[in-house]
PDB file of N, CA and C in Angstrom:
ATOM      1  N   UNK A   1     -60.532   2.457 -91.579  1.00  0.00           N
ATOM      2  CA  UNK A   1     -60.563   1.222 -90.832  1.00  0.00           C
ATOM      3  C   UNK A   1     -60.662   0.026 -91.943  1.00  0.00           C
ATOM      4  N   UNK A   2     -60.013  -1.060 -91.578  1.00  0.00           N
ATOM      5  CA  UNK A   2     -60.155  -2.160 -92.744  1.00  0.00           C
ATOM      6  C   UNK A   2     -60.868  -3.264 -91.858  1.00  0.00           C
ATOM      7  N   UNK A   3     -61.741  -4.043 -92.518  1.00  0.00           N
ATOM      8  CA  UNK A   3     -62.700  -5.075 -91.967  1.00  0.00           C
ATOM      9  C   UNK A   3     -63.112  -5.828 -92.978  1.00  0.00           C
ATOM     10  N   UNK A   4     -63.868  -6.944 -92.197  1.00  0.00           N
ATOM     11  CA  UNK A   4     -64.715  -7.847 -93.238  1.00  0.00           C
ATOM     12  C   UNK A   4     -66.207  -7.408 -92.874  1.00  0.00           C
ATOM     13  N   UNK A   5     -66.761  -7.100 -93.951  1.00  0.00           N
ATOM     14  CA  UNK A   5     -68.256  -6.516 -93.564  1.00  0.00           C
ATOM     15  C   UNK A   5     -69.216  -7.768 -93.506  1.00  0.00           C
ATOM     16  N   UNK A   6     -70.106  -7.638 -92.437  1.00  0.00           N
ATOM     17  CA  UNK A   6     -71.042  -8.564 -92.131  1.00  0.00           C
ATOM     18  C   UNK A   6     -72.241  -8.052 -91.914  1.00  0.00           C
ATOM     19  N   UNK A   7     -73.299  -8.870 -91.545  1.00  0.00           N
ATOM     20  CA  UNK A   7     -74.673  -8.265 -91.391  1.00  0.00           C
ATOM     21  C   UNK A   7     -74.824  -7.333 -90.241  1.00  0.00           C
ATOM     22  N   UNK A   8     -73.836  -7.096 -89.153  1.00  0.00           N
ATOM     23  CA  UNK A   8     -74.087  -6.088 -88.251  1.00  0.00           C
ATOM     24  C   UNK A   8     -73.059  -5.070 -88.280  1.00  0.00           C
ATOM     25  N   UNK A   9     -72.134  -5.067 -89.585  1.00  0.00           N
ATOM     26  CA  UNK A   9     -71.195  -4.121 -89.624  1.00  0.00           C
ATOM     27  C   UNK A   9     -71.619  -2.617 -89.677  1.00  0.00           C
ATOM     28  N   UNK A  10     -72.604  -2.436 -90.595  1.00  0.00           N
ATOM     29  CA  UNK A  10     -73.293  -1.077 -90.717  1.00  0.00           C
ATOM     30  C   UNK A  10     -73.663  -0.344 -89.497  1.00  0.00           C
ATOM     31  N   UNK A  11     -74.354  -1.094 -88.476  1.00  0.00           N
ATOM     32  CA  UNK A  11     -74.631  -0.447 -87.309  1.00  0.00           C
ATOM     33  C   UNK A  11     -73.461  -0.057 -86.541  1.00  0.00           C
ATOM     34  N   UNK A  12     -72.613  -0.862 -86.506  1.00  0.00           N
ATOM     35  CA  UNK A  12     -71.271  -0.380 -85.739  1.00  0.00           C
ATOM     36  C   UNK A  12     -70.602   0.593 -86.384  1.00  0.00           C
ATOM     37  N   UNK A  13     -70.441   0.541 -87.675  1.00  0.00           N
ATOM     38  CA  UNK A  13     -69.911   1.735 -88.309  1.00  0.00           C
ATOM     39  C   UNK A  13     -70.657   3.022 -88.361  1.00  0.00           C
ATOM     40  N   UNK A  14     -71.870   2.844 -88.286  1.00  0.00           N
ATOM     41  CA  UNK A  14     -72.857   4.076 -88.116  1.00  0.00           C
ATOM     42  C   UNK A  14     -72.366   4.812 -86.861  1.00  0.00           C
ATOM     43  N   UNK A  15     -72.090   4.119 -85.891  1.00  0.00           N
ATOM     44  CA  UNK A  15     -71.795   4.828 -84.362  1.00  0.00           C
ATOM     45  C   UNK A  15     -70.620   5.341 -84.545  1.00  0.00           C
ATOM     46  N   UNK A  16     -69.603   4.729 -85.152  1.00  0.00           N
ATOM     47  CA  UNK A  16     -68.159   5.445 -85.273  1.00  0.00           C
ATOM     48  C   UNK A  16     -68.314   6.613 -86.108  1.00  0.00           C
ATOM     49  N   UNK A  17     -68.871   6.503 -87.124  1.00  0.00           N
ATOM     50  CA  UNK A  17     -69.206   7.769 -87.995  1.00  0.00           C
ATOM     51  C   UNK A  17     -69.757   8.886 -87.376  1.00  0.00           C
ATOM     52  N   UNK A  18     -70.815   8.626 -86.527  1.00  0.00           N
ATOM     53  CA  UNK A  18     -71.595   9.648 -85.659  1.00  0.00           C
ATOM     54  C   UNK A  18     -70.623  10.224 -84.625  1.00  0.00           C
ATOM     55  N   UNK A  19     -69.888   9.418 -84.187  1.00  0.00           N
ATOM     56  CA  UNK A  19     -68.756   9.811 -83.193  1.00  0.00           C
ATOM     57  C   UNK A  19     -67.858  10.801 -83.840  1.00  0.00           C
ATOM     58  N   UNK A  20     -67.194  10.457 -84.798  1.00  0.00           N
ATOM     59  CA  UNK A  20     -66.330  11.506 -85.459  1.00  0.00           C
ATOM     60  C   UNK A  20     -67.023  12.663 -85.912  1.00  0.00           C
ATOM     61  N   UNK A  21     -68.154  12.462 -86.581  1.00  0.00           N
ATOM     62  CA  UNK A  21     -68.887  13.786 -86.929  1.00  0.00           C
ATOM     63  C   UNK A  21     -69.255  14.704 -85.723  1.00  0.00           C
ATOM     64  N   UNK A  22     -69.578  14.252 -84.650  1.00  0.00           N
ATOM     65  CA  UNK A  22     -69.848  14.931 -83.418  1.00  0.00           C
ATOM     66  C   UNK A  22     -68.518  15.608 -82.988  1.00  0.00           C
ATOM     67  N   UNK A  23     -67.429  14.918 -83.070  1.00  0.00           N
ATOM     68  CA  UNK A  23     -66.165  15.437 -82.539  1.00  0.00           C
ATOM     69  C   UNK A  23     -65.791  16.568 -83.444  1.00  0.00           C
ATOM     70  N   UNK A  24     -66.055  16.482 -84.880  1.00  0.00           N
ATOM     71  CA  UNK A  24     -65.544  17.436 -85.748  1.00  0.00           C
ATOM     72  C   UNK A  24     -66.617  18.653 -85.863  1.00  0.00           C
ATOM     73  N   UNK A  25     -67.764  18.608 -85.014  1.00  0.00           N
ATOM     74  CA  UNK A  25     -68.777  19.716 -85.034  1.00  0.00           C
ATOM     75  C   UNK A  25     -69.543  19.701 -86.237  1.00  0.00           C
ATOM     76  N   UNK A  26     -69.706  18.422 -86.837  1.00  0.00           N
ATOM     77  CA  UNK A  26     -70.489  18.356 -88.262  1.00  0.00           C
ATOM     78  C   UNK A  26     -71.565  17.193 -87.864  1.00  0.00           C
ATOM     79  N   UNK A  27     -72.233  17.495 -86.589  1.00  0.00           N
ATOM     80  CA  UNK A  27     -73.381  16.453 -86.266  1.00  0.00           C
ATOM     81  C   UNK A  27     -74.587  16.658 -87.331  1.00  0.00           C
ATOM     82  N   UNK A  28     -74.615  17.722 -87.716  1.00  0.00           N
ATOM     83  CA  UNK A  28     -75.680  17.914 -88.799  1.00  0.00           C
ATOM     84  C   UNK A  28     -75.769  17.082 -89.996  1.00  0.00           C
ATOM     85  N   UNK A  29     -74.674  16.621 -90.458  1.00  0.00           N
ATOM     86  CA  UNK A  29     -74.369  15.748 -91.649  1.00  0.00           C
ATOM     87  C   UNK A  29     -74.484  14.237 -91.198  1.00  0.00           C
ATOM     88  N   UNK A  30     -74.689  13.983 -89.854  1.00  0.00           N
ATOM     89  CA  UNK A  30     -74.851  12.592 -89.409  1.00  0.00           C
ATOM     90  C   UNK A  30     -75.774  11.670 -90.215  1.00  0.00           C
ATOM     91  N   UNK A  31     -77.113  12.227 -90.518  1.00  0.00           N
ATOM     92  CA  UNK A  31     -77.882  11.233 -91.278  1.00  0.00           C
ATOM     93  C   UNK A  31     -77.547  10.927 -92.733  1.00  0.00           C
ATOM     94  N   UNK A  32     -77.026  11.933 -93.431  1.00  0.00           N
ATOM     95  CA  UNK A  32     -76.691  11.664 -94.741  1.00  0.00           C
ATOM     96  C   UNK A  32     -75.476  10.801 -94.863  1.00  0.00           C
ATOM     97  N   UNK A  33     -74.481  11.180 -94.055  1.00  0.00           N
ATOM     98  CA  UNK A  33     -73.338  10.237 -94.081  1.00  0.00           C
ATOM     99  C   UNK A  33     -73.527   9.089 -93.619  1.00  0.00           C
ATOM    100  N   UNK A  34     -74.167   8.835 -92.470  1.00  0.00           N
ATOM    101  CA  UNK A  34     -74.438   7.398 -92.045  1.00  0.00           C
ATOM    102  C   UNK A  34     -75.332   6.577 -93.154  1.00  0.00           C
ATOM    103  N   UNK A  35     -76.232   7.269 -93.755  1.00  0.00           N
ATOM    104  CA  UNK A  35     -76.902   6.441 -94.820  1.00  0.00           C
ATOM    105  C   UNK A  35     -76.092   6.193 -96.021  1.00  0.00           C
ATOM    106  N   UNK A  36     -75.310   7.084 -96.462  1.00  0.00           N
ATOM    107  CA  UNK A  36     -74.423   6.804 -97.465  1.00  0.00           C
ATOM    108  C   UNK A  36     -73.449   5.709 -97.029  1.00  0.00           C
ATOM    109  N   UNK A  37     -72.852   5.811 -95.986  1.00  0.00           N
ATOM    110  CA  UNK A  37     -71.808   4.574 -95.512  1.00  0.00           C
ATOM    111  C   UNK A  37     -72.648   3.186 -95.497  1.00  0.00           C
ATOM    112  N   UNK A  38     -73.870   3.321 -94.957  1.00  0.00           N
ATOM    113  CA  UNK A  38     -74.537   1.981 -94.733  1.00  0.00           C
ATOM    114  C   UNK A  38     -74.898   1.596 -96.014  1.00  0.00           C
ATOM    115  N   UNK A  39     -75.294   2.314 -97.062  1.00  0.00           N
ATOM    116  CA  UNK A  39     -75.461   1.689 -98.514  1.00  0.00           C
ATOM    117  C   UNK A  39     -74.234   1.219 -99.439  1.00  0.00           C
ATOM    118  N   UNK A  40     -73.379   1.952 -98.957  1.00  0.00           N
ATOM    119  CA  UNK A  40     -71.976   1.262 -99.733  1.00  0.00           C
ATOM    120  C   UNK A  40     -71.410  -0.019 -98.929  1.00  0.00           C
ATOM    121  N   UNK A  41     -71.663   0.075 -97.619  1.00  0.00           N
ATOM    122  CA  UNK A  41     -71.377  -1.376 -96.970  1.00  0.00           C
ATOM    123  C   UNK A  41     -72.282  -2.439 -97.458  1.00  0.00           C
ATOM    124  N   UNK A  42     -73.582  -2.140 -97.584  1.00  0.00           N
ATOM    125  CA  UNK A  42     -74.580  -3.120 -98.193  1.00  0.00           C
ATOM    126  C   UNK A  42     -73.983  -3.655 -99.469  1.00  0.00           C
ATOM    127  N   UNK A  43     -73.474  -2.596-100.228  1.00  0.00           N
ATOM    128  CA  UNK A  43     -73.059  -3.263-101.419  1.00  0.00           C
ATOM    129  C   UNK A  43     -71.819  -4.094-101.481  1.00  0.00           C
ATOM    130  N   UNK A  44     -70.988  -3.889-100.490  1.00  0.00           N
ATOM    131  CA  UNK A  44     -69.861  -4.824-100.226  1.00  0.00           C
ATOM    132  C   UNK A  44     -70.308  -6.176 -99.707  1.00  0.00           C
ATOM    133  N   UNK A  45     -71.260  -6.042 -98.845  1.00  0.00           N
ATOM    134  CA  UNK A  45     -71.829  -7.430 -98.383  1.00  0.00           C
ATOM    135  C   UNK A  45     -72.415  -8.223 -99.753  1.00  0.00           C
ATOM    136  N   UNK A  46     -73.269  -7.540-100.299  1.00  0.00           N
ATOM    137  CA  UNK A  46     -73.923  -8.244-101.536  1.00  0.00           C
ATOM    138  C   UNK A  46     -73.076  -8.628-102.445  1.00  0.00           C
ATOM    139  N   UNK A  47     -72.117  -7.734-103.110  1.00  0.00           N
ATOM    140  CA  UNK A  47     -71.401  -7.770-104.430  1.00  0.00           C
ATOM    141  C   UNK A  47     -69.841  -8.470-104.174  1.00  0.00           C
ATOM    142  N   UNK A  48     -69.353  -8.449-103.080  1.00  0.00           N
ATOM    143  CA  UNK A  48     -67.931  -8.509-102.926  1.00  0.00           C
ATOM    144  C   UNK A  48     -67.648  -9.887-102.363  1.00  0.00           C
ATOM    145  N   UNK A  49     -67.082 -10.862-103.122  1.00  0.00           N
ATOM    146  CA  UNK A  49     -67.193 -12.271-102.585  1.00  0.00           C
ATOM    147  C   UNK A  49     -66.373 -12.408-101.129  1.00  0.00           C
ATOM    148  N   UNK A  50     -65.246 -11.797-100.656  1.00  0.00           N
ATOM    149  CA  UNK A  50     -64.493 -11.944 -99.594  1.00  0.00           C
ATOM    150  C   UNK A  50     -65.247 -10.875 -98.618  1.00  0.00           C
ATOM    151  N   UNK A  51     -65.886  -9.781 -99.023  1.00  0.00           N
ATOM    152  CA  UNK A  51     -66.554  -8.855 -97.996  1.00  0.00           C
ATOM    153  C   UNK A  51     -65.476  -8.013 -97.474  1.00  0.00           C
ATOM    154  N   UNK A  52     -64.277  -8.108 -97.740  1.00  0.00           N
ATOM    155  CA  UNK A  52     -63.303  -7.264 -97.193  1.00  0.00           C
ATOM    156  C   UNK A  52     -63.355  -5.901 -97.788  1.00  0.00           C
ATOM    157  N   UNK A  53     -63.166  -4.922 -96.936  1.00  0.00           N
ATOM    158  CA  UNK A  53     -63.369  -3.412 -97.163  1.00  0.00           C
ATOM    159  C   UNK A  53     -62.496  -2.559 -96.378  1.00  0.00           C
ATOM    160  N   UNK A  54     -62.279  -1.376 -96.933  1.00  0.00           N
ATOM    161  CA  UNK A  54     -61.656  -0.297 -96.237  1.00  0.00           C
ATOM    162  C   UNK A  54     -62.572   0.915 -96.200  1.00  0.00           C
ATOM    163  N   UNK A  55     -62.838   1.601 -94.953  1.00  0.00           N
ATOM    164  CA  UNK A  55     -63.703   2.518 -94.826  1.00  0.00           C
ATOM    165  C   UNK A  55     -62.314   3.865 -94.442  1.00  0.00           C
ATOM    166  N   UNK A  56     -62.751   4.909 -95.155  1.00  0.00           N
ATOM    167  CA  UNK A  56     -61.797   6.085 -94.905  1.00  0.00           C
ATOM    168  C   UNK A  56     -62.861   7.318 -94.939  1.00  0.00           C
ATOM    169  N   UNK A  57     -62.836   8.005 -93.711  1.00  0.00           N
ATOM    170  CA  UNK A  57     -63.752   9.017 -93.378  1.00  0.00           C
ATOM    171  C   UNK A  57     -62.846  10.367 -93.101  1.00  0.00           C
ATOM    172  N   UNK A  58     -63.003  11.329 -94.110  1.00  0.00           N
ATOM    173  CA  UNK A  58     -62.092  12.572 -94.083  1.00  0.00           C
ATOM    174  C   UNK A  58     -62.886  13.714 -93.931  1.00  0.00           C
ATOM    175  N   UNK A  59     -62.239  14.705 -93.117  1.00  0.00           N
ATOM    176  CA  UNK A  59     -62.954  15.990 -92.761  1.00  0.00           C
ATOM    177  C   UNK A  59     -62.325  16.724 -94.131  1.00  0.00           C
ATOM    178  N   UNK A  60     -63.316  17.587 -94.756  1.00  0.00           N
ATOM    179  CA  UNK A  60     -62.641  18.406 -95.949  1.00  0.00           C
ATOM    180  C   UNK A  60     -61.919  19.565 -95.179  1.00  0.00           C
ATOM    181  N   UNK A  61     -61.033  20.054 -95.952  1.00  0.00           N
ATOM    182  CA  UNK A  61     -60.050  21.030 -95.768  1.00  0.00           C
ATOM    183  C   UNK A  61     -60.866  22.185 -95.076  1.00  0.00           C
ATOM    184  N   UNK A  62     -61.937  22.684 -95.552  1.00  0.00           N
ATOM    185  CA  UNK A  62     -62.654  23.902 -95.150  1.00  0.00           C
ATOM    186  C   UNK A  62     -63.302  23.571 -93.859  1.00  0.00           C
ATOM    187  N   UNK A  63     -63.412  22.271 -93.540  1.00  0.00           N
ATOM    188  CA  UNK A  63     -64.161  22.096 -92.185  1.00  0.00           C
ATOM    189  C   UNK A  63     -65.467  21.825 -92.229  1.00  0.00           C
ATOM    190  N   UNK A  64     -66.136  22.248 -93.318  1.00  0.00           N
ATOM    191  CA  UNK A  64     -67.589  22.029 -93.307  1.00  0.00           C
ATOM    192  C   UNK A  64     -68.134  20.819 -94.090  1.00  0.00           C
ATOM    193  N   UNK A  65     -67.432  20.148 -94.698  1.00  0.00           N
ATOM    194  CA  UNK A  65     -67.832  18.916 -95.226  1.00  0.00           C
ATOM    195  C   UNK A  65     -67.100  17.583 -94.917  1.00  0.00           C
ATOM    196  N   UNK A  66     -67.452  16.567 -95.403  1.00  0.00           N
ATOM    197  CA  UNK A  66     -66.929  15.170 -95.082  1.00  0.00           C
ATOM    198  C   UNK A  66     -66.866  14.379 -96.599  1.00  0.00           C
ATOM    199  N   UNK A  67     -65.791  13.693 -96.527  1.00  0.00           N
ATOM    200  CA  UNK A  67     -65.962  12.627 -97.621  1.00  0.00           C
ATOM    201  C   UNK A  67     -65.551  11.280 -97.110  1.00  0.00           C
ATOM    202  N   UNK A  68     -66.331  10.419 -97.539  1.00  0.00           N
ATOM    203  CA  UNK A  68     -66.232   8.978 -97.297  1.00  0.00           C
ATOM    204  C   UNK A  68     -65.916   8.041 -98.455  1.00  0.00           C
ATOM    205  N   UNK A  69     -64.893   7.262 -98.333  1.00  0.00           N
ATOM    206  CA  UNK A  69     -64.493   6.200 -99.249  1.00  0.00           C
ATOM    207  C   UNK A  69     -64.576   4.925 -98.740  1.00  0.00           C
ATOM    208  N   UNK A  70     -65.300   3.985 -99.485  1.00  0.00           N
ATOM    209  CA  UNK A  70     -65.267   2.659 -99.330  1.00  0.00           C
ATOM    210  C   UNK A  70     -64.537   1.811-100.356  1.00  0.00           C
ATOM    211  N   UNK A  71     -63.320   1.238-100.178  1.00  0.00           N
ATOM    212  CA  UNK A  71     -62.611   0.519-101.100  1.00  0.00           C
ATOM    213  C   UNK A  71     -62.788  -1.110-100.786  1.00  0.00           C
ATOM    214  N   UNK A  72     -62.893  -1.752-102.093  1.00  0.00           N
ATOM    215  CA  UNK A  72     -62.824  -3.267-101.888  1.00  0.00           C
ATOM    216  C   UNK A  72     -61.838  -3.805-103.031  1.00  0.00           C
ATOM    217  N   UNK A  73     -61.624  -5.014-102.936  1.00  0.00           N
ATOM    218  CA  UNK A  73     -60.961  -5.649-104.059  1.00  0.00           C
ATOM    219  C   UNK A  73     -61.694  -6.256-105.332  1.00  0.00           C
ATOM    220  N   UNK A  74     -62.887  -5.813-105.249  1.00  0.00           N
ATOM    221  CA  UNK A  74     -63.958  -6.372-106.674  1.00  0.00           C
ATOM    222  C   UNK A  74     -63.710  -5.458-107.600  1.00  0.00           C
ATOM    223  N   UNK A  75     -63.491  -6.028-108.881  1.00  0.00           N
ATOM    224  CA  UNK A  75     -63.434  -5.033-110.290  1.00  0.00           C
ATOM    225  C   UNK A  75     -65.034  -4.595-110.545  1.00  0.00           C
ATOM    226  N   UNK A  76     -65.952  -5.429-109.889  1.00  0.00           N
ATOM    227  CA  UNK A  76     -67.386  -5.043-110.338  1.00  0.00           C
ATOM    228  C   UNK A  76     -67.684  -3.503-109.956  1.00  0.00           C
ATOM    229  N   UNK A  77     -68.007  -2.608-110.914  1.00  0.00           N
ATOM    230  CA  UNK A  77     -68.296  -1.267-110.656  1.00  0.00           C
ATOM    231  C   UNK A  77     -69.740  -1.074-110.467  1.00  0.00           C
ATOM    232  N   UNK A  78     -70.176  -0.048-109.647  1.00  0.00           N
ATOM    233  CA  UNK A  78     -71.638  -0.025-109.436  1.00  0.00           C
ATOM    234  C   UNK A  78     -72.083   0.772-110.731  1.00  0.00           C
ATOM    235  N   UNK A  79     -73.382   0.551-111.001  1.00  0.00           N
ATOM    236  CA  UNK A  79     -73.932   1.469-112.136  1.00  0.00           C
ATOM    237  C   UNK A  79     -74.139   2.819-111.658  1.00  0.00           C
ATOM    238  N   UNK A  80     -73.794   3.532-112.567  1.00  0.00           N
ATOM    239  CA  UNK A  80     -73.782   5.110-112.274  1.00  0.00           C
ATOM    240  C   UNK A  80     -75.186   5.786-112.156  1.00  0.00           C
ATOM    241  N   UNK A  81     -76.177   5.172-113.091  1.00  0.00           N
ATOM    242  CA  UNK A  81     -77.408   5.513-112.874  1.00  0.00           C
ATOM    243  C   UNK A  81     -78.137   4.087-112.663  1.00  0.00           C
ATOM    244  N   UNK A  82     -79.085   4.015-111.774  1.00  0.00           N
ATOM    245  CA  UNK A  82     -79.875   2.878-111.712  1.00  0.00           C
ATOM    246  C   UNK A  82     -81.269   3.073-112.023  1.00  0.00           C
ATOM    247  N   UNK A  83     -81.890   2.118-112.833  1.00  0.00           N
ATOM    248  CA  UNK A  83     -83.407   2.123-113.230  1.00  0.00           C
ATOM    249  C   UNK A  83     -83.863   1.168-112.166  1.00  0.00           C
ATOM    250  N   UNK A  84     -84.730   1.919-111.175  1.00  0.00           N
ATOM    251  CA  UNK A  84     -85.217   0.962-110.210  1.00  0.00           C
ATOM    252  C   UNK A  84     -86.750   0.800-110.451  1.00  0.00           C
ATOM    253  N   UNK A  85     -87.280  -0.330-110.573  1.00  0.00           N
ATOM    254  CA  UNK A  85     -88.771  -0.450-110.439  1.00  0.00           C
ATOM    255  C   UNK A  85     -89.172  -0.531-109.060  1.00  0.00           C
ATOM    256  N   UNK A  86     -90.615  -0.487-108.998  1.00  0.00           N
ATOM    257  CA  UNK A  86     -91.300  -0.620-107.685  1.00  0.00           C
ATOM    258  C   UNK A  86     -90.883  -1.912-106.911  1.00  0.00           C
ATOM    259  N   UNK A  87     -90.738  -3.156-107.701  1.00  0.00           N
ATOM    260  CA  UNK A  87     -90.562  -4.248-107.110  1.00  0.00           C
ATOM    261  C   UNK A  87     -89.280  -4.604-107.098  1.00  0.00           C
ATOM    262  N   UNK A  88     -88.061  -3.856-107.460  1.00  0.00           N
ATOM    263  CA  UNK A  88     -86.633  -4.435-107.556  1.00  0.00           C
ATOM    264  C   UNK A  88     -86.166  -4.454-106.101  1.00  0.00           C
ATOM    265  N   UNK A  89     -85.424  -5.651-106.091  1.00  0.00           N
ATOM    266  CA  UNK A  89     -84.865  -5.830-104.807  1.00  0.00           C
ATOM    267  C   UNK A  89     -83.072  -5.213-104.810  1.00  0.00           C
ATOM    268  N   UNK A  90     -82.682  -4.636-105.887  1.00  0.00           N
ATOM    269  CA  UNK A  90     -81.304  -4.291-105.952  1.00  0.00           C
ATOM    270  C   UNK A  90     -81.493  -2.905-106.601  1.00  0.00           C
ATOM    271  N   UNK A  91     -80.493  -2.014-106.291  1.00  0.00           N
ATOM    272  CA  UNK A  91     -80.383  -0.816-107.076  1.00  0.00           C
ATOM    273  C   UNK A  91     -80.568   0.587-106.496  1.00  0.00           C
ATOM    274  N   UNK A  92     -81.563   0.183-105.355  1.00  0.00           N
ATOM    275  CA  UNK A  92     -81.898   1.457-104.566  1.00  0.00           C
ATOM    276  C   UNK A  92     -80.782   2.159-103.714  1.00  0.00           C
ATOM    277  N   UNK A  93     -79.927   1.534-103.476  1.00  0.00           N
ATOM    278  CA  UNK A  93     -78.690   1.949-102.461  1.00  0.00           C
ATOM    279  C   UNK A  93     -78.190   3.157-103.360  1.00  0.00           C
ATOM    280  N   UNK A  94     -77.752   3.126-104.393  1.00  0.00           N
ATOM    281  CA  UNK A  94     -77.224   4.193-105.249  1.00  0.00           C
ATOM    282  C   UNK A  94     -78.118   5.446-105.585  1.00  0.00           C
ATOM    283  N   UNK A  95     -79.437   5.089-105.538  1.00  0.00           N
ATOM    284  CA  UNK A  95     -80.366   6.141-105.952  1.00  0.00           C
ATOM    285  C   UNK A  95     -80.469   6.928-104.574  1.00  0.00           C
ATOM    286  N   UNK A  96     -80.492   6.152-103.406  1.00  0.00           N
ATOM    287  CA  UNK A  96     -80.464   6.818-102.061  1.00  0.00           C
ATOM    288  C   UNK A  96     -79.193   7.655-101.866  1.00  0.00           C
ATOM    289  N   UNK A  97     -77.939   7.200-102.186  1.00  0.00           N
ATOM    290  CA  UNK A  97     -76.803   7.863-102.134  1.00  0.00           C
ATOM    291  C   UNK A  97     -76.728   9.181-102.851  1.00  0.00           C
ATOM    292  N   UNK A  98     -77.270   8.983-104.225  1.00  0.00           N
ATOM    293  CA  UNK A  98     -77.514  10.099-105.031  1.00  0.00           C
ATOM    294  C   UNK A  98     -78.136  11.251-104.569  1.00  0.00           C
ATOM    295  N   UNK A  99     -79.306  10.812-103.629  1.00  0.00           N
ATOM    296  CA  UNK A  99     -80.147  11.705-102.908  1.00  0.00           C
ATOM    297  C   UNK A  99     -79.470  12.622-101.852  1.00  0.00           C
ATOM    298  N   UNK A 100     -78.735  11.735-101.110  1.00  0.00           N
ATOM    299  CA  UNK A 100     -78.118  12.485 -99.930  1.00  0.00           C
ATOM    300  C   UNK A 100     -76.681  12.932-100.049  1.00  0.00           C
ATOM    301  N   UNK A 101     -75.951  12.583-100.967  1.00  0.00           N
ATOM    302  CA  UNK A 101     -74.569  13.092-101.159  1.00  0.00           C
ATOM    303  C   UNK A 101     -74.687  14.324-102.165  1.00  0.00           C
ATOM    304  N   UNK A 102     -73.792  15.154-101.832  1.00  0.00           N
ATOM    305  CA  UNK A 102     -73.434  16.372-102.762  1.00  0.00           C
ATOM    306  C   UNK A 102     -72.952  15.813-104.142  1.00  0.00           C
ATOM    307  N   UNK A 103     -72.180  14.872-104.016  1.00  0.00           N
ATOM    308  CA  UNK A 103     -71.428  14.272-105.119  1.00  0.00           C
ATOM    309  C   UNK A 103     -70.918  13.013-104.767  1.00  0.00           C
ATOM    310  N   UNK A 104     -70.782  12.157-105.613  1.00  0.00           N
ATOM    311  CA  UNK A 104     -70.241  10.634-105.484  1.00  0.00           C
ATOM    312  C   UNK A 104     -69.631  10.143-106.660  1.00  0.00           C
ATOM    313  N   UNK A 105     -68.668   9.172-106.642  1.00  0.00           N
ATOM    314  CA  UNK A 105     -68.258   8.624-107.950  1.00  0.00           C
ATOM    315  C   UNK A 105     -67.397   7.272-107.597  1.00  0.00           C
ATOM    316  N   UNK A 106     -66.807   6.681-108.422  1.00  0.00           N
ATOM    317  CA  UNK A 106     -66.017   5.500-108.489  1.00  0.00           C
ATOM    318  C   UNK A 106     -64.610   5.653-108.932  1.00  0.00           C
ATOM    319  N   UNK A 107     -63.532   5.255-108.230  1.00  0.00           N
ATOM    320  CA  UNK A 107     -62.157   5.340-108.858  1.00  0.00           C
ATOM    321  C   UNK A 107     -61.435   4.005-108.771  1.00  0.00           C
ATOM    322  N   UNK A 108     -60.805   3.681-109.671  1.00  0.00           N
ATOM    323  CA  UNK A 108     -60.028   2.458-109.690  1.00  0.00           C
ATOM    324  C   UNK A 108     -59.134   2.402-108.347  1.00  0.00           C
ATOM    325  N   UNK A 109     -59.105   0.965-107.853  1.00  0.00           N
ATOM    326  CA  UNK A 109     -58.285   0.899-106.662  1.00  0.00           C
ATOM    327  C   UNK A 109     -57.217  -0.022-106.823  1.00  0.00           C
ATOM    328  N   UNK A 110     -56.395  -0.438-105.798  1.00  0.00           N
ATOM    329  CA  UNK A 110     -55.274  -1.270-106.051  1.00  0.00           C
ATOM    330  C   UNK A 110     -55.787  -2.725-106.296  1.00  0.00           C
ATOM    331  N   UNK A 111     -54.839  -3.262-107.001  1.00  0.00           N
ATOM    332  CA  UNK A 111     -55.016  -4.768-107.548  1.00  0.00           C
ATOM    333  C   UNK A 111     -56.314  -5.104-107.921  1.00  0.00           C
ATOM    334  N   UNK A 112     -56.851  -4.184-108.917  1.00  0.00           N
ATOM    335  CA  UNK A 112     -58.043  -4.498-109.734  1.00  0.00           C
ATOM    336  C   UNK A 112     -59.309  -4.162-108.967  1.00  0.00           C
ATOM    337  N   UNK A 113     -59.234  -3.706-107.761  1.00  0.00           N
ATOM    338  CA  UNK A 113     -60.442  -3.170-106.993  1.00  0.00           C
ATOM    339  C   UNK A 113     -60.856  -1.722-107.412  1.00  0.00           C
ATOM    340  N   UNK A 114     -61.855  -1.369-106.431  1.00  0.00           N
ATOM    341  CA  UNK A 114     -62.263   0.089-106.689  1.00  0.00           C
ATOM    342  C   UNK A 114     -62.489   0.766-105.466  1.00  0.00           C
ATOM    343  N   UNK A 115     -62.708   2.145-105.397  1.00  0.00           N
ATOM    344  CA  UNK A 115     -63.003   2.847-104.334  1.00  0.00           C
ATOM    345  C   UNK A 115     -64.295   3.677-104.637  1.00  0.00           C
ATOM    346  N   UNK A 116     -65.477   3.521-103.861  1.00  0.00           N
ATOM    347  CA  UNK A 116     -66.602   4.225-104.229  1.00  0.00           C
ATOM    348  C   UNK A 116     -66.519   5.292-102.893  1.00  0.00           C
ATOM    349  N   UNK A 117     -66.815   6.613-103.550  1.00  0.00           N
ATOM    350  CA  UNK A 117     -66.738   7.781-102.525  1.00  0.00           C
ATOM    351  C   UNK A 117     -67.950   8.571-102.722  1.00  0.00           C
ATOM    352  N   UNK A 118     -68.060   9.292-101.712  1.00  0.00           N
ATOM    353  CA  UNK A 118     -69.045  10.330-101.728  1.00  0.00           C
ATOM    354  C   UNK A 118     -68.747  11.674-100.658  1.00  0.00           C
ATOM    355  N   UNK A 119     -69.338  12.835-100.974  1.00  0.00           N
ATOM    356  CA  UNK A 119     -69.126  13.999-100.279  1.00  0.00           C
ATOM    357  C   UNK A 119     -70.524  14.587 -99.876  1.00  0.00           C
ATOM    358  N   UNK A 120     -70.518  14.878 -98.581  1.00  0.00           N
ATOM    359  CA  UNK A 120     -71.496  15.802 -97.844  1.00  0.00           C
ATOM    360  C   UNK A 120     -71.152  16.854 -97.399  1.00  0.00           C
ATOM    361  N   UNK A 121     -72.065  18.017 -97.528  1.00  0.00           N
ATOM    362  CA  UNK A 121     -71.720  19.326 -96.766  1.00  0.00           C
ATOM    363  C   UNK A 121     -70.660  20.133 -97.579  1.00  0.00           C
ATOM    364  N   UNK A 122     -70.381  19.872 -98.802  1.00  0.00           N
ATOM    365  CA  UNK A 122     -69.255  20.652 -99.673  1.00  0.00           C
ATOM    366  C   UNK A 122     -70.003  21.591-100.367  1.00  0.00           C
ATOM    367  N   UNK A 123     -69.407  22.850-100.537  1.00  0.00           N
ATOM    368  CA  UNK A 123     -69.996  23.987-101.295  1.00  0.00           C
ATOM    369  C   UNK A 123     -70.290  23.684-102.606  1.00  0.00           C
TER     370      UNK A 123
END
């Protein structure tokens, strides 16, 4: 789905993600996937000037895992490793993503943008 991310977008998107995971029989992944998607959307709100993005949620071919992708038009890449101090206001999202996802990364997108993706429940 494509949309402009706002203050309440993550709450609505979490509900949609939970619904898909339940329908796919993967409800046990809901906490991790919802947190990962929330953190990526927070980065869009914070770092992408027009806040436009696309979320793609894919069930893995083996049926046991999920891949989530958030694409935007900003060329600004997230830091692969974040050094977060106790009083830091930024940088915690990717630390959380790293904790809940089996793997994650960044790929170049169209028109100079990027896609940040993560997978949960993969072997």
